[in-house]
Amino acid sequence: MINKLSHVLFLSLCFYANTSLQGQGTKSASPSQYQHIARRNPNYSIHVVKINLKDPHVSVHVARGGADPDGDGPWLTTLLPTSEIAEREHYAVAINGDFFEAQATKDIEGKNTGYVRGKAAAPVGMAMSDGVLWHRSRTPRAYLEITKSNVAKLETGAEPVDAAAREIVGGSQIIVRDSQAITFTNLFATARHPRTAVGIDASGTELTLLVVDGRQPELSIGMTLAEVSEEMIRQGCTAAINLDGGGSTTLVCRDAKTRKLEILNSPSDTKERSVADVLGVTVK
């Protein structure tokens, strides 16, 4: 049931010529649209971006953080904030990507040193950029695939990688399949956290990026996976996958007037957490 008090800000994101956030809009031929939903009692701050993959100007990509720090060693990238990766890649919109492992998150005294810029890292799940598979998960893990023909698919990770795959970002689990929520009962699923998720429509040509703020009671309490699933179905998704969340949850978008990237959500760490990879959108 949708909360009684709900405020919706709906903007059309017209990113042609590297522009964005161009005022009020409705569903149209725009390559992307941004919607902010604020609900009260309980408090939720929900950010939704719809990406029209049928638009020939639109392209979706996966980018790692920094360069591979150790060659043939276990690490494949270094942590960078989502906005910094998006700026380097000239993305119009980007969200944080997969869960990741990072080197020395605790020092020799056991003090938590956090996920900060420059730490050697690797995603937990599959990762592909421009047709190059740069990480394969140790065990089957769900992932979002963007094909060479610009169609989005969700895979369980148990099957061979599709020869038509161009971009892949991993997640924890598929949470919606055939327009039905999939139930999970572990604490990770039933606790409310900041969440990042991606959904697709039946044709695989509309991508929905969902970012839910959390751990900020006056703004947003976060969501369980069941609540994220319900929101994705409400947004018209027939399938959806959960990406890394918590302090990693970030949505950035390029402002139309300043041409600068802005963080649209409210990260729970009070600042951006550095991450191993991102899912980004370019519009040419």
C-alpha atoms as a PDB file:
ATOM      1  CA  MET A   1       0.000   0.000   0.000  1.00  0.00           C
ATOM      2  CA  ILE A   2       1.393   3.417  -0.946  1.00  0.00           C
ATOM      3  CA  ASN A   3       1.805   5.836   1.946  1.00  0.00           C
ATOM      4  CA  LYS A   4      -0.947   8.429   2.429  1.00  0.00           C
ATOM      5  CA  LEU A   5       1.417  11.369   2.066  1.00  0.00           C
ATOM      6  CA  SER A   6       3.481  11.301  -1.099  1.00  0.00           C
ATOM      7  CA  HIS A   7       5.174  14.103  -3.007  1.00  0.00           C
ATOM      8  CA  VAL A   8       6.423  13.406  -6.520  1.00  0.00           C
ATOM      9  CA  LEU A   9       8.846  15.565  -8.496  1.00  0.00           C
ATOM     10  CA  PHE A  10       8.891  14.466 -12.129  1.00  0.00           C
ATOM     11  CA  LEU A  11      11.478  15.822 -14.531  1.00  0.00           C
ATOM     12  CA  SER A  12      12.360  14.981 -18.079  1.00  0.00           C
ATOM     13  CA  LEU A  13      16.043  14.310 -18.550  1.00  0.00           C
ATOM     14  CA  CYS A  14      16.966  15.384 -22.065  1.00  0.00           C
ATOM     15  CA  PHE A  15      20.662  14.655 -22.306  1.00  0.00           C
ATOM     16  CA  TYR A  16      21.255  15.575 -25.930  1.00  0.00           C
ATOM     17  CA  ALA A  17      24.424  17.570 -26.356  1.00  0.00           C
ATOM     18  CA  ASN A  18      25.457  16.635 -22.803  1.00  0.00           C
ATOM     19  CA  THR A  19      22.479  18.332 -21.160  1.00  0.00           C
ATOM     20  CA  SER A  20      20.112  17.121 -18.469  1.00  0.00           C
ATOM     21  CA  LEU A  21      17.345  18.007 -16.047  1.00  0.00           C
ATOM     22  CA  GLN A  22      15.526  20.285 -18.487  1.00  0.00           C
ATOM     23  CA  GLY A  23      12.441  21.058 -16.427  1.00  0.00           C
ATOM     24  CA  GLN A  24       8.951  19.609 -16.169  1.00  0.00           C
ATOM     25  CA  GLY A  25       8.022  16.756 -18.454  1.00  0.00           C
ATOM     26  CA  THR A  26       5.924  13.684 -19.059  1.00  0.00           C
ATOM     27  CA  LYS A  27       6.639  10.357 -20.692  1.00  0.00           C
ATOM     28  CA  SER A  28       7.739  11.160 -24.221  1.00  0.00           C
ATOM     29  CA  ALA A  29      10.577  10.538 -26.643  1.00  0.00           C
ATOM     30  CA  SER A  30      13.039  11.817 -24.047  1.00  0.00           C
ATOM     31  CA  PRO A  31      15.965   9.435 -23.615  1.00  0.00           C
ATOM     32  CA  SER A  32      15.610   9.505 -19.824  1.00  0.00           C
ATOM     33  CA  GLN A  33      13.390  10.797 -17.049  1.00  0.00           C
ATOM     34  CA  TYR A  34      14.034  11.459 -13.362  1.00  0.00           C
ATOM     35  CA  GLN A  35      11.423  11.170 -10.639  1.00  0.00           C
ATOM     36  CA  HIS A  36      11.850  11.932  -6.935  1.00  0.00           C
ATOM     37  CA  ILE A  37       9.213  10.435  -4.648  1.00  0.00           C
ATOM     38  CA  ALA A  38       9.033  11.628  -1.038  1.00  0.00           C
ATOM     39  CA  ARG A  39       6.675   9.678   1.226  1.00  0.00           C
ATOM     40  CA  ARG A  40       5.896  10.311   4.859  1.00  0.00           C
ATOM     41  CA  ASN A  41       4.805   8.189   7.811  1.00  0.00           C
ATOM     42  CA  PRO A  42       7.050   6.271   7.395  1.00  0.00           C
ATOM     43  CA  ASN A  43       9.614   8.413   5.599  1.00  0.00           C
ATOM     44  CA  TYR A  44      10.999   7.366   2.237  1.00  0.00           C
ATOM     45  CA  SER A  45      13.119   9.295  -0.259  1.00  0.00           C
ATOM     46  CA  ILE A  46      13.041   7.412  -3.568  1.00  0.00           C
ATOM     47  CA  HIS A  47      14.859   8.364  -6.759  1.00  0.00           C
ATOM     48  CA  VAL A  48      13.845   6.818 -10.082  1.00  0.00           C
ATOM     49  CA  VAL A  49      15.503   7.241 -13.476  1.00  0.00           C
ATOM     50  CA  LYS A  50      13.923   5.699 -16.572  1.00  0.00           C
ATOM     51  CA  ILE A  51      16.265   5.013 -19.486  1.00  0.00           C
ATOM     52  CA  ASN A  52      14.856   4.540 -22.989  1.00  0.00           C
ATOM     53  CA  LEU A  53      17.185   2.001 -24.593  1.00  0.00           C
ATOM     54  CA  LYS A  54      15.362   2.303 -27.924  1.00  0.00           C
ATOM     55  CA  ASP A  55      16.639   5.861 -28.285  1.00  0.00           C
ATOM     56  CA  PRO A  56      19.637   5.681 -30.663  1.00  0.00           C
ATOM     57  CA  HIS A  57      21.405   8.435 -28.706  1.00  0.00           C
ATOM     58  CA  VAL A  58      21.416   6.406 -25.473  1.00  0.00           C
ATOM     59  CA  SER A  59      24.147   4.011 -24.404  1.00  0.00           C
ATOM     60  CA  VAL A  60      24.557   2.203 -21.075  1.00  0.00           C
ATOM     61  CA  HIS A  61      27.999   1.293 -19.774  1.00  0.00           C
ATOM     62  CA  VAL A  62      29.823  -0.298 -16.859  1.00  0.00           C
ATOM     63  CA  ALA A  63      33.059   1.351 -15.731  1.00  0.00           C
ATOM     64  CA  ARG A  64      35.535   0.302 -13.096  1.00  0.00           C
ATOM     65  CA  GLY A  65      36.986   2.720 -10.567  1.00  0.00           C
ATOM     66  CA  GLY A  66      40.712   3.314 -10.991  1.00  0.00           C
ATOM     67  CA  ALA A  67      43.249   1.319 -13.001  1.00  0.00           C
ATOM     68  CA  ASP A  68      44.200  -2.262 -12.128  1.00  0.00           C
ATOM     69  CA  PRO A  69      46.721  -1.779  -9.274  1.00  0.00           C
ATOM     70  CA  ASP A  70      48.508  -5.126  -9.300  1.00  0.00           C
ATOM     71  CA  GLY A  71      48.541  -6.671 -12.777  1.00  0.00           C
ATOM     72  CA  ASP A  72      48.048 -10.417 -12.352  1.00  0.00           C
ATOM     73  CA  GLY A  73      47.303 -10.012  -8.641  1.00  0.00           C
ATOM     74  CA  PRO A  74      43.865 -10.390  -7.035  1.00  0.00           C
ATOM     75  CA  TRP A  75      42.804  -6.746  -7.337  1.00  0.00           C
ATOM     76  CA  LEU A  76      41.275  -5.336 -10.514  1.00  0.00           C
ATOM     77  CA  THR A  77      40.633  -1.681  -9.772  1.00  0.00           C
ATOM     78  CA  THR A  78      40.923   1.003  -7.122  1.00  0.00           C
ATOM     79  CA  LEU A  79      37.995   2.571  -5.324  1.00  0.00           C
ATOM     80  CA  LEU A  80      36.675   5.907  -6.579  1.00  0.00           C
ATOM     81  CA  PRO A  81      33.484   7.879  -5.869  1.00  0.00           C
ATOM     82  CA  THR A  82      30.640   7.303  -8.326  1.00  0.00           C
ATOM     83  CA  SER A  83      30.723  10.967  -9.369  1.00  0.00           C
ATOM     84  CA  GLU A  84      34.435  10.848 -10.147  1.00  0.00           C
ATOM     85  CA  ILE A  85      34.065   7.775 -12.342  1.00  0.00           C
ATOM     86  CA  ALA A  86      31.043   9.339 -14.065  1.00  0.00           C
ATOM     87  CA  GLU A  87      32.957  12.551 -14.749  1.00  0.00           C
ATOM     88  CA  ARG A  88      35.878  10.668 -16.265  1.00  0.00           C
ATOM     89  CA  GLU A  89      33.541   8.654 -18.512  1.00  0.00           C
ATOM     90  CA  HIS A  90      31.359  11.670 -19.443  1.00  0.00           C
ATOM     91  CA  TYR A  91      28.201   9.998 -18.132  1.00  0.00           C
ATOM     92  CA  ALA A  92      24.951  11.922 -17.927  1.00  0.00           C
ATOM     93  CA  VAL A  93      23.641   9.637 -15.182  1.00  0.00           C
ATOM     94  CA  ALA A  94      25.363   7.028 -13.026  1.00  0.00           C
ATOM     95  CA  ILE A  95      24.651   4.809 -10.043  1.00  0.00           C
ATOM     96  CA  ASN A  96      26.961   2.723  -7.904  1.00  0.00           C
ATOM     97  CA  GLY A  97      27.408  -0.836  -9.126  1.00  0.00           C
ATOM     98  CA  ASP A  98      28.275  -4.205  -7.643  1.00  0.00           C
ATOM     99  CA  PHE A  99      29.240  -5.242  -4.143  1.00  0.00           C
ATOM    100  CA  PHE A 100      33.023  -5.311  -3.791  1.00  0.00           C
ATOM    101  CA  GLU A 101      35.998  -6.413  -1.762  1.00  0.00           C
ATOM    102  CA  ALA A 102      38.751  -3.954  -0.880  1.00  0.00           C
ATOM    103  CA  GLN A 103      42.252  -4.270   0.498  1.00  0.00           C
ATOM    104  CA  ALA A 104      42.992  -3.436   4.144  1.00  0.00           C
ATOM    105  CA  THR A 105      39.637  -2.073   5.230  1.00  0.00           C
ATOM    106  CA  LYS A 106      41.010  -2.474   8.764  1.00  0.00           C
ATOM    107  CA  ASP A 107      44.472  -1.474   9.957  1.00  0.00           C
ATOM    108  CA  ILE A 108      46.811  -3.625  12.094  1.00  0.00           C
ATOM    109  CA  GLU A 109      45.037  -2.490  15.257  1.00  0.00           C
ATOM    110  CA  GLY A 110      41.672  -3.517  13.872  1.00  0.00           C
ATOM    111  CA  LYS A 111      40.454   0.035  13.313  1.00  0.00           C
ATOM    112  CA  ASN A 112      37.991   0.365  10.451  1.00  0.00           C
ATOM    113  CA  THR A 113      39.668   2.483   7.767  1.00  0.00           C
ATOM    114  CA  GLY A 114      36.655   2.454   5.465  1.00  0.00           C
ATOM    115  CA  TYR A 115      36.133   2.378   1.732  1.00  0.00           C
ATOM    116  CA  VAL A 116      38.142   5.342   0.570  1.00  0.00           C
ATOM    117  CA  ARG A 117      39.531   6.553  -2.739  1.00  0.00           C
ATOM    118  CA  GLY A 118      42.544   4.665  -4.033  1.00  0.00           C
ATOM    119  CA  LYS A 119      42.183   1.353  -2.173  1.00  0.00           C
ATOM    120  CA  ALA A 120      42.776  -1.744  -4.268  1.00  0.00           C
ATOM    121  CA  ALA A 121      39.489  -3.525  -4.889  1.00  0.00           C
ATOM    122  CA  ALA A 122      37.521  -6.004  -6.985  1.00  0.00           C
ATOM    123  CA  PRO A 123      33.792  -6.484  -7.583  1.00  0.00           C
ATOM    124  CA  VAL A 124      32.222  -9.586  -6.090  1.00  0.00           C
ATOM    125  CA  GLY A 125      30.201 -10.503  -9.164  1.00  0.00           C
ATOM    126  CA  MET A 126      30.593 -10.435 -12.929  1.00  0.00           C
ATOM    127  CA  ALA A 127      31.897  -7.319 -14.639  1.00  0.00           C
ATOM    128  CA  MET A 128      32.138  -6.502 -18.351  1.00  0.00           C
ATOM    129  CA  SER A 129      32.913  -3.237 -20.104  1.00  0.00           C
ATOM    130  CA  ASP A 130      32.737  -2.744 -23.881  1.00  0.00           C
ATOM    131  CA  GLY A 131      32.603  -6.508 -24.436  1.00  0.00           C
ATOM    132  CA  VAL A 132      35.627  -7.278 -22.234  1.00  0.00           C
ATOM    133  CA  LEU A 133      34.858  -9.524 -19.258  1.00  0.00           C
ATOM    134  CA  TRP A 134      37.211  -8.197 -16.584  1.00  0.00           C
ATOM    135  CA  HIS A 135      35.868 -10.125 -13.615  1.00  0.00           C
ATOM    136  CA  ARG A 136      34.195 -13.503 -13.267  1.00  0.00           C
ATOM    137  CA  SER A 137      32.510 -14.326  -9.946  1.00  0.00           C
ATOM    138  CA  ARG A 138      33.786 -17.294  -7.939  1.00  0.00           C
ATOM    139  CA  THR A 139      30.274 -18.713  -7.580  1.00  0.00           C
ATOM    140  CA  PRO A 140      27.140 -18.058  -9.674  1.00  0.00           C
ATOM    141  CA  ARG A 141      25.800 -14.570  -8.976  1.00  0.00           C
ATOM    142  CA  ALA A 142      23.023 -12.659 -10.643  1.00  0.00           C
ATOM    143  CA  TYR A 143      23.863  -9.818 -13.024  1.00  0.00           C
ATOM    144  CA  LEU A 144      22.436  -7.229 -15.371  1.00  0.00           C
ATOM    145  CA  GLU A 145      23.517  -7.572 -18.996  1.00  0.00           C
ATOM    146  CA  ILE A 146      23.290  -4.975 -21.741  1.00  0.00           C
ATOM    147  CA  THR A 147      23.623  -6.588 -25.154  1.00  0.00           C
ATOM    148  CA  LYS A 148      25.320  -5.220 -28.236  1.00  0.00           C
ATOM    149  CA  SER A 149      21.852  -4.406 -29.594  1.00  0.00           C
ATOM    150  CA  ASN A 150      21.110  -2.274 -26.492  1.00  0.00           C
ATOM    151  CA  VAL A 151      18.677  -4.699 -24.836  1.00  0.00           C
ATOM    152  CA  ALA A 152      18.756  -5.288 -21.063  1.00  0.00           C
ATOM    153  CA  LYS A 153      18.590  -8.786 -19.579  1.00  0.00           C
ATOM    154  CA  LEU A 154      18.915 -10.300 -16.109  1.00  0.00           C
ATOM    155  CA  GLU A 155      20.873 -13.517 -15.715  1.00  0.00           C
ATOM    156  CA  THR A 156      21.351 -15.822 -12.723  1.00  0.00           C
ATOM    157  CA  GLY A 157      25.060 -16.323 -13.344  1.00  0.00           C
ATOM    158  CA  ALA A 158      24.660 -20.091 -13.678  1.00  0.00           C
ATOM    159  CA  GLU A 159      24.582 -19.984 -17.476  1.00  0.00           C
ATOM    160  CA  PRO A 160      27.493 -19.259 -19.871  1.00  0.00           C
ATOM    161  CA  VAL A 161      28.039 -15.597 -20.632  1.00  0.00           C
ATOM    162  CA  ASP A 162      26.005 -14.501 -23.638  1.00  0.00           C
ATOM    163  CA  ALA A 163      28.157 -13.917 -26.723  1.00  0.00           C
ATOM    164  CA  ALA A 164      26.012 -10.850 -27.430  1.00  0.00           C
ATOM    165  CA  ALA A 165      26.821  -9.242 -24.072  1.00  0.00           C
ATOM    166  CA  ARG A 166      28.460  -5.802 -24.147  1.00  0.00           C
ATOM    167  CA  GLU A 167      28.159  -4.616 -20.529  1.00  0.00           C
ATOM    168  CA  ILE A 168      27.655  -6.564 -17.288  1.00  0.00           C
ATOM    169  CA  VAL A 169      27.277  -5.417 -13.696  1.00  0.00           C
ATOM    170  CA  GLY A 170      26.753  -7.846 -10.832  1.00  0.00           C
ATOM    171  CA  GLY A 171      24.256  -7.768  -7.983  1.00  0.00           C
ATOM    172  CA  SER A 172      23.260  -9.800  -4.954  1.00  0.00           C
ATOM    173  CA  GLN A 173      20.081 -11.387  -6.295  1.00  0.00           C
ATOM    174  CA  ILE A 174      17.208 -11.032  -8.730  1.00  0.00           C
ATOM    175  CA  ILE A 175      14.297  -9.650  -6.692  1.00  0.00           C
ATOM    176  CA  VAL A 176      11.545  -9.510  -9.346  1.00  0.00           C
ATOM    177  CA  ARG A 177      10.884 -12.055 -12.089  1.00  0.00           C
ATOM    178  CA  ASP A 178       7.838 -12.153 -14.412  1.00  0.00           C
ATOM    179  CA  SER A 179       6.371  -9.162 -12.538  1.00  0.00           C
ATOM    180  CA  GLN A 180       6.374 -11.154  -9.287  1.00  0.00           C
ATOM    181  CA  ALA A 181       8.436 -10.339  -6.202  1.00  0.00           C
ATOM    182  CA  ILE A 182      10.859 -13.034  -5.067  1.00  0.00           C
ATOM    183  CA  THR A 183      10.840 -13.553  -1.294  1.00  0.00           C
ATOM    184  CA  PHE A 184      14.042 -13.580   0.761  1.00  0.00           C
ATOM    185  CA  THR A 185      14.047 -14.065   4.540  1.00  0.00           C
ATOM    186  CA  ASN A 186      17.649 -13.426   5.604  1.00  0.00           C
ATOM    187  CA  LEU A 187      18.519 -10.338   7.661  1.00  0.00           C
ATOM    188  CA  PHE A 188      20.104  -8.568   4.686  1.00  0.00           C
ATOM    189  CA  ALA A 189      16.757  -8.782   2.900  1.00  0.00           C
ATOM    190  CA  THR A 190      14.421  -8.005   5.804  1.00  0.00           C
ATOM    191  CA  ALA A 191      16.337  -5.067   7.347  1.00  0.00           C
ATOM    192  CA  ARG A 192      15.815  -1.575   5.977  1.00  0.00           C
ATOM    193  CA  HIS A 193      18.906  -0.159   4.262  1.00  0.00           C
ATOM    194  CA  PRO A 194      19.729   2.376   1.571  1.00  0.00           C
ATOM    195  CA  ARG A 195      19.233   0.449  -1.668  1.00  0.00           C
ATOM    196  CA  THR A 196      20.294   0.606  -5.295  1.00  0.00           C
ATOM    197  CA  ALA A 197      18.458  -1.577  -7.805  1.00  0.00           C
ATOM    198  CA  VAL A 198      17.862  -1.860 -11.542  1.00  0.00           C
ATOM    199  CA  GLY A 199      14.691  -3.041 -13.257  1.00  0.00           C
ATOM    200  CA  ILE A 200      13.718  -3.797 -16.839  1.00  0.00           C
ATOM    201  CA  ASP A 201      10.422  -3.912 -18.708  1.00  0.00           C
ATOM    202  CA  ALA A 202       9.101  -6.926 -20.630  1.00  0.00           C
ATOM    203  CA  SER A 203      10.848  -5.878 -23.844  1.00  0.00           C
ATOM    204  CA  GLY A 204      14.199  -5.177 -22.184  1.00  0.00           C
ATOM    205  CA  THR A 205      14.237  -1.728 -23.774  1.00  0.00           C
ATOM    206  CA  GLU A 206      13.390   0.393 -20.724  1.00  0.00           C
ATOM    207  CA  LEU A 207      15.794   0.428 -17.813  1.00  0.00           C
ATOM    208  CA  THR A 208      14.683   1.671 -14.390  1.00  0.00           C
ATOM    209  CA  LEU A 209      17.359   2.851 -11.963  1.00  0.00           C
ATOM    210  CA  LEU A 210      16.073   2.957  -8.384  1.00  0.00           C
ATOM    211  CA  VAL A 211      17.930   4.586  -5.493  1.00  0.00           C
ATOM    212  CA  VAL A 212      16.397   4.657  -2.005  1.00  0.00           C
ATOM    213  CA  ASP A 213      17.968   6.741   0.747  1.00  0.00           C
ATOM    214  CA  GLY A 214      18.180   5.233   4.208  1.00  0.00           C
ATOM    215  CA  ARG A 215      19.599   5.372   7.747  1.00  0.00           C
ATOM    216  CA  GLN A 216      18.319   8.962   7.998  1.00  0.00           C
ATOM    217  CA  PRO A 217      15.015   8.727   9.921  1.00  0.00           C
ATOM    218  CA  GLU A 218      13.851  12.279   9.228  1.00  0.00           C
ATOM    219  CA  LEU A 219      14.498  11.875   5.500  1.00  0.00           C
ATOM    220  CA  SER A 220      14.261   8.168   4.690  1.00  0.00           C
ATOM    221  CA  ILE A 221      14.372   4.934   6.685  1.00  0.00           C
ATOM    222  CA  GLY A 222      15.506   2.738   3.800  1.00  0.00           C
ATOM    223  CA  MET A 223      13.761  -0.324   2.401  1.00  0.00           C
ATOM    224  CA  THR A 224      13.692  -4.078   2.742  1.00  0.00           C
ATOM    225  CA  LEU A 225      14.205  -6.075  -0.450  1.00  0.00           C
ATOM    226  CA  ALA A 226      10.491  -6.873  -0.437  1.00  0.00           C
ATOM    227  CA  GLU A 227       9.716  -3.150  -0.408  1.00  0.00           C
ATOM    228  CA  VAL A 228      12.194  -2.520  -3.231  1.00  0.00           C
ATOM    229  CA  SER A 229      10.524  -5.309  -5.210  1.00  0.00           C
ATOM    230  CA  GLU A 230       7.101  -3.724  -4.689  1.00  0.00           C
ATOM    231  CA  GLU A 231       8.431  -0.360  -5.840  1.00  0.00           C
ATOM    232  CA  MET A 232       9.979  -1.875  -8.956  1.00  0.00           C
ATOM    233  CA  ILE A 233       6.711  -3.584  -9.879  1.00  0.00           C
ATOM    234  CA  ARG A 234       4.890  -0.290  -9.251  1.00  0.00           C
ATOM    235  CA  GLN A 235       7.316   1.333 -11.706  1.00  0.00           C
ATOM    236  CA  GLY A 236       6.329  -1.167 -14.398  1.00  0.00           C
ATOM    237  CA  CYS A 237       9.330  -3.492 -14.174  1.00  0.00           C
ATOM    238  CA  THR A 238       8.855  -7.173 -14.980  1.00  0.00           C
ATOM    239  CA  ALA A 239      12.288  -8.079 -13.589  1.00  0.00           C
ATOM    240  CA  ALA A 240      14.736  -6.396 -11.214  1.00  0.00           C
ATOM    241  CA  ILE A 241      18.085  -6.956  -9.540  1.00  0.00           C
ATOM    242  CA  ASN A 242      19.504  -5.593  -6.293  1.00  0.00           C
ATOM    243  CA  LEU A 243      22.917  -3.907  -6.526  1.00  0.00           C
ATOM    244  CA  ASP A 244      25.242  -2.778  -3.736  1.00  0.00           C
ATOM    245  CA  GLY A 245      23.519  -0.497  -1.241  1.00  0.00           C
ATOM    246  CA  GLY A 246      24.122   0.944   2.205  1.00  0.00           C
ATOM    247  CA  GLY A 247      26.748   3.667   2.203  1.00  0.00           C
ATOM    248  CA  SER A 248      27.534   2.911  -1.441  1.00  0.00           C
ATOM    249  CA  THR A 249      24.075   3.976  -2.671  1.00  0.00           C
ATOM    250  CA  THR A 250      24.585   6.968  -4.969  1.00  0.00           C
ATOM    251  CA  LEU A 251      22.824   8.606  -7.915  1.00  0.00           C
ATOM    252  CA  VAL A 252      24.554  11.342  -9.893  1.00  0.00           C
ATOM    253  CA  CYS A 253      23.161  13.349 -12.799  1.00  0.00           C
ATOM    254  CA  ARG A 254      24.557  16.083 -15.023  1.00  0.00           C
ATOM    255  CA  ASP A 255      22.865  19.466 -14.630  1.00  0.00           C
ATOM    256  CA  ALA A 256      21.561  21.070 -17.837  1.00  0.00           C
ATOM    257  CA  LYS A 257      22.741  24.580 -17.081  1.00  0.00           C
ATOM    258  CA  THR A 258      26.061  24.054 -15.323  1.00  0.00           C
ATOM    259  CA  ARG A 259      26.949  20.804 -17.139  1.00  0.00           C
ATOM    260  CA  LYS A 260      28.277  19.603 -13.790  1.00  0.00           C
ATOM    261  CA  LEU A 261      27.410  16.322 -12.127  1.00  0.00           C
ATOM    262  CA  GLU A 262      25.229  16.571  -9.048  1.00  0.00           C
ATOM    263  CA  ILE A 263      24.542  13.981  -6.378  1.00  0.00           C
ATOM    264  CA  LEU A 264      20.747  13.692  -6.353  1.00  0.00           C
ATOM    265  CA  ASN A 265      20.315  11.400  -3.369  1.00  0.00           C
ATOM    266  CA  SER A 266      21.527  11.719   0.226  1.00  0.00           C
ATOM    267  CA  PRO A 267      24.316   9.161   0.864  1.00  0.00           C
ATOM    268  CA  SER A 268      24.027   7.653   4.336  1.00  0.00           C
ATOM    269  CA  ASP A 269      27.737   8.220   5.087  1.00  0.00           C
ATOM    270  CA  THR A 270      27.003  11.984   4.648  1.00  0.00           C
ATOM    271  CA  LYS A 271      29.405  11.892   1.685  1.00  0.00           C
ATOM    272  CA  GLU A 272      30.019   9.643  -1.302  1.00  0.00           C
ATOM    273  CA  ARG A 273      31.586   6.284  -0.608  1.00  0.00           C
ATOM    274  CA  SER A 274      34.198   5.161  -3.099  1.00  0.00           C
ATOM    275  CA  VAL A 275      33.185   2.068  -5.079  1.00  0.00           C
ATOM    276  CA  ALA A 276      34.659  -0.504  -7.453  1.00  0.00           C
ATOM    277  CA  ASP A 277      32.386   0.022 -10.457  1.00  0.00           C
ATOM    278  CA  VAL A 278      29.382   1.997 -11.664  1.00  0.00           C
ATOM    279  CA  LEU A 279      26.545   1.734 -14.143  1.00  0.00           C
ATOM    280  CA  GLY A 280      26.456   4.841 -16.305  1.00  0.00           C
ATOM    281  CA  VAL A 281      24.449   6.349 -19.168  1.00  0.00           C
ATOM    282  CA  THR A 282      25.747   8.435 -22.031  1.00  0.00           C
ATOM    283  CA  VAL A 283      23.531  10.371 -24.411  1.00  0.00           C
ATOM    284  CA  LYS A 284      25.031  11.740 -27.606  1.00  0.00           C
END
